[in-house]
């Protein structure tokens, strides 16, 4: 696994590299704060139902994303790729084999 003594220099180099990439600020934000979380969009309820439902929700679709949100999602993908490129092959193989990593 990652040597704990090398973590600080590795993470520092990784963040500097991320900042140097196109959309570097967004990639850096993704690494530090996690990926963009899609919003739950409220929809008016159906008045014709037997039980009144005032509103329901759906997960934000690609069509409902702003340009800024789309850029952040693309930068999230770049951030993941940047992190994976910095891992040694044996650790990458372990991470890659996990479905929930």
C-alpha atoms as a PDB file:
ATOM      1  CA  UNK A   1       0.000   0.000   0.000  1.00  0.00           C
ATOM      2  CA  UNK A   2       0.991   3.655  -0.019  1.00  0.00           C
ATOM      3  CA  UNK A   3       3.892   4.336   2.288  1.00  0.00           C
ATOM      4  CA  UNK A   4       2.595   6.756   4.939  1.00  0.00           C
ATOM      5  CA  UNK A   5       5.935   8.575   4.993  1.00  0.00           C
ATOM      6  CA  UNK A   6       5.597   9.383   1.282  1.00  0.00           C
ATOM      7  CA  UNK A   7       1.959  10.499   1.406  1.00  0.00           C
ATOM      8  CA  UNK A   8       2.567  14.229   2.043  1.00  0.00           C
ATOM      9  CA  UNK A   9       5.070  14.694  -0.820  1.00  0.00           C
ATOM     10  CA  UNK A  10       2.915  12.523  -3.117  1.00  0.00           C
ATOM     11  CA  UNK A  11      -0.291  14.451  -2.365  1.00  0.00           C
ATOM     12  CA  UNK A  12       1.493  17.785  -2.743  1.00  0.00           C
ATOM     13  CA  UNK A  13       2.887  16.785  -6.161  1.00  0.00           C
ATOM     14  CA  UNK A  14      -0.494  15.450  -7.229  1.00  0.00           C
ATOM     15  CA  UNK A  15      -2.290  18.689  -6.317  1.00  0.00           C
ATOM     16  CA  UNK A  16       0.342  20.803  -8.090  1.00  0.00           C
ATOM     17  CA  UNK A  17      -0.002  18.622 -11.189  1.00  0.00           C
ATOM     18  CA  UNK A  18      -3.807  18.875 -11.056  1.00  0.00           C
ATOM     19  CA  UNK A  19      -3.639  22.673 -10.876  1.00  0.00           C
ATOM     20  CA  UNK A  20      -1.428  22.748 -13.985  1.00  0.00           C
ATOM     21  CA  UNK A  21      -3.999  20.881 -16.103  1.00  0.00           C
ATOM     22  CA  UNK A  22      -6.726  22.549 -18.178  1.00  0.00           C
ATOM     23  CA  UNK A  23      -9.596  23.243 -15.755  1.00  0.00           C
ATOM     24  CA  UNK A  24      -7.032  22.887 -12.969  1.00  0.00           C
ATOM     25  CA  UNK A  25      -9.080  24.800 -10.399  1.00  0.00           C
ATOM     26  CA  UNK A  26     -12.083  22.553 -10.979  1.00  0.00           C
ATOM     27  CA  UNK A  27      -9.943  19.395 -10.806  1.00  0.00           C
ATOM     28  CA  UNK A  28      -8.304  20.661  -7.601  1.00  0.00           C
ATOM     29  CA  UNK A  29     -11.767  21.389  -6.157  1.00  0.00           C
ATOM     30  CA  UNK A  30     -12.921  17.879  -7.045  1.00  0.00           C
ATOM     31  CA  UNK A  31      -9.913  16.263  -5.362  1.00  0.00           C
ATOM     32  CA  UNK A  32     -10.343  18.263  -2.155  1.00  0.00           C
ATOM     33  CA  UNK A  33     -14.154  18.372  -1.924  1.00  0.00           C
ATOM     34  CA  UNK A  34     -15.329  15.294  -3.814  1.00  0.00           C
ATOM     35  CA  UNK A  35     -17.310  15.023  -7.021  1.00  0.00           C
ATOM     36  CA  UNK A  36     -20.329  17.093  -8.004  1.00  0.00           C
ATOM     37  CA  UNK A  37     -23.547  15.771  -6.455  1.00  0.00           C
ATOM     38  CA  UNK A  38     -26.586  16.095  -8.694  1.00  0.00           C
ATOM     39  CA  UNK A  39     -29.526  17.980  -7.211  1.00  0.00           C
ATOM     40  CA  UNK A  40     -32.978  16.622  -6.524  1.00  0.00           C
ATOM     41  CA  UNK A  41     -35.404  18.661  -8.658  1.00  0.00           C
ATOM     42  CA  UNK A  42     -38.933  19.145  -7.263  1.00  0.00           C
ATOM     43  CA  UNK A  43     -41.910  18.449  -9.532  1.00  0.00           C
ATOM     44  CA  UNK A  44     -45.499  19.448  -8.793  1.00  0.00           C
ATOM     45  CA  UNK A  45     -47.698  16.651  -7.503  1.00  0.00           C
ATOM     46  CA  UNK A  46     -50.541  14.995  -9.420  1.00  0.00           C
ATOM     47  CA  UNK A  47     -53.844  16.537  -8.297  1.00  0.00           C
ATOM     48  CA  UNK A  48     -55.845  13.716  -9.942  1.00  0.00           C
ATOM     49  CA  UNK A  49     -54.619  11.024  -7.528  1.00  0.00           C
ATOM     50  CA  UNK A  50     -56.750   9.613  -4.715  1.00  0.00           C
ATOM     51  CA  UNK A  51     -54.056  10.627  -2.235  1.00  0.00           C
ATOM     52  CA  UNK A  52     -52.815  14.168  -2.698  1.00  0.00           C
ATOM     53  CA  UNK A  53     -49.085  14.416  -3.298  1.00  0.00           C
ATOM     54  CA  UNK A  54     -47.896  18.003  -3.191  1.00  0.00           C
ATOM     55  CA  UNK A  55     -44.608  17.354  -4.969  1.00  0.00           C
ATOM     56  CA  UNK A  56     -42.196  14.669  -6.043  1.00  0.00           C
ATOM     57  CA  UNK A  57     -38.511  14.821  -6.915  1.00  0.00           C
ATOM     58  CA  UNK A  58     -36.252  13.540  -9.655  1.00  0.00           C
ATOM     59  CA  UNK A  59     -32.478  13.452  -9.958  1.00  0.00           C
ATOM     60  CA  UNK A  60     -31.041  16.279 -12.040  1.00  0.00           C
ATOM     61  CA  UNK A  61     -30.607  15.150 -15.672  1.00  0.00           C
ATOM     62  CA  UNK A  62     -27.808  16.110 -18.063  1.00  0.00           C
ATOM     63  CA  UNK A  63     -30.203  18.511 -19.830  1.00  0.00           C
ATOM     64  CA  UNK A  64     -30.842  20.332 -16.539  1.00  0.00           C
ATOM     65  CA  UNK A  65     -27.147  20.895 -15.772  1.00  0.00           C
ATOM     66  CA  UNK A  66     -25.633  24.341 -16.237  1.00  0.00           C
ATOM     67  CA  UNK A  67     -22.426  24.785 -18.241  1.00  0.00           C
ATOM     68  CA  UNK A  68     -20.521  25.244 -14.970  1.00  0.00           C
ATOM     69  CA  UNK A  69     -21.951  22.015 -13.545  1.00  0.00           C
ATOM     70  CA  UNK A  70     -21.090  20.113 -16.745  1.00  0.00           C
ATOM     71  CA  UNK A  71     -17.517  21.422 -16.549  1.00  0.00           C
ATOM     72  CA  UNK A  72     -17.286  20.300 -12.918  1.00  0.00           C
ATOM     73  CA  UNK A  73     -18.507  16.794 -13.789  1.00  0.00           C
ATOM     74  CA  UNK A  74     -15.910  16.520 -16.576  1.00  0.00           C
ATOM     75  CA  UNK A  75     -13.276  17.809 -14.163  1.00  0.00           C
ATOM     76  CA  UNK A  76     -14.352  15.168 -11.620  1.00  0.00           C
ATOM     77  CA  UNK A  77     -13.535  12.501 -14.212  1.00  0.00           C
ATOM     78  CA  UNK A  78     -10.162  14.157 -14.877  1.00  0.00           C
ATOM     79  CA  UNK A  79      -9.469  14.278 -11.131  1.00  0.00           C
ATOM     80  CA  UNK A  80     -10.090  10.550 -10.774  1.00  0.00           C
ATOM     81  CA  UNK A  81      -7.817   9.858 -13.736  1.00  0.00           C
ATOM     82  CA  UNK A  82      -5.115  12.131 -12.283  1.00  0.00           C
ATOM     83  CA  UNK A  83      -5.211  10.310  -8.941  1.00  0.00           C
ATOM     84  CA  UNK A  84      -5.110   6.891 -10.603  1.00  0.00           C
ATOM     85  CA  UNK A  85      -2.122   7.901 -12.751  1.00  0.00           C
ATOM     86  CA  UNK A  86      -0.207   8.743  -9.577  1.00  0.00           C
ATOM     87  CA  UNK A  87      -0.668   5.297  -8.016  1.00  0.00           C
ATOM     88  CA  UNK A  88       1.893   2.509  -8.297  1.00  0.00           C
ATOM     89  CA  UNK A  89       0.731  -0.366 -10.525  1.00  0.00           C
ATOM     90  CA  UNK A  90       0.137  -2.828  -7.677  1.00  0.00           C
ATOM     91  CA  UNK A  91      -2.057  -0.378  -5.767  1.00  0.00           C
ATOM     92  CA  UNK A  92      -3.870   0.654  -8.952  1.00  0.00           C
ATOM     93  CA  UNK A  93      -4.686  -3.026  -9.590  1.00  0.00           C
ATOM     94  CA  UNK A  94      -6.192  -3.334  -6.094  1.00  0.00           C
ATOM     95  CA  UNK A  95      -8.250  -0.141  -6.473  1.00  0.00           C
ATOM     96  CA  UNK A  96      -9.340  -1.095  -9.997  1.00  0.00           C
ATOM     97  CA  UNK A  97     -10.600  -4.491  -8.812  1.00  0.00           C
ATOM     98  CA  UNK A  98     -12.905  -2.885  -6.206  1.00  0.00           C
ATOM     99  CA  UNK A  99     -16.394  -2.006  -7.383  1.00  0.00           C
ATOM    100  CA  UNK A 100     -16.979   0.563  -4.618  1.00  0.00           C
ATOM    101  CA  UNK A 101     -13.522   2.136  -4.277  1.00  0.00           C
END
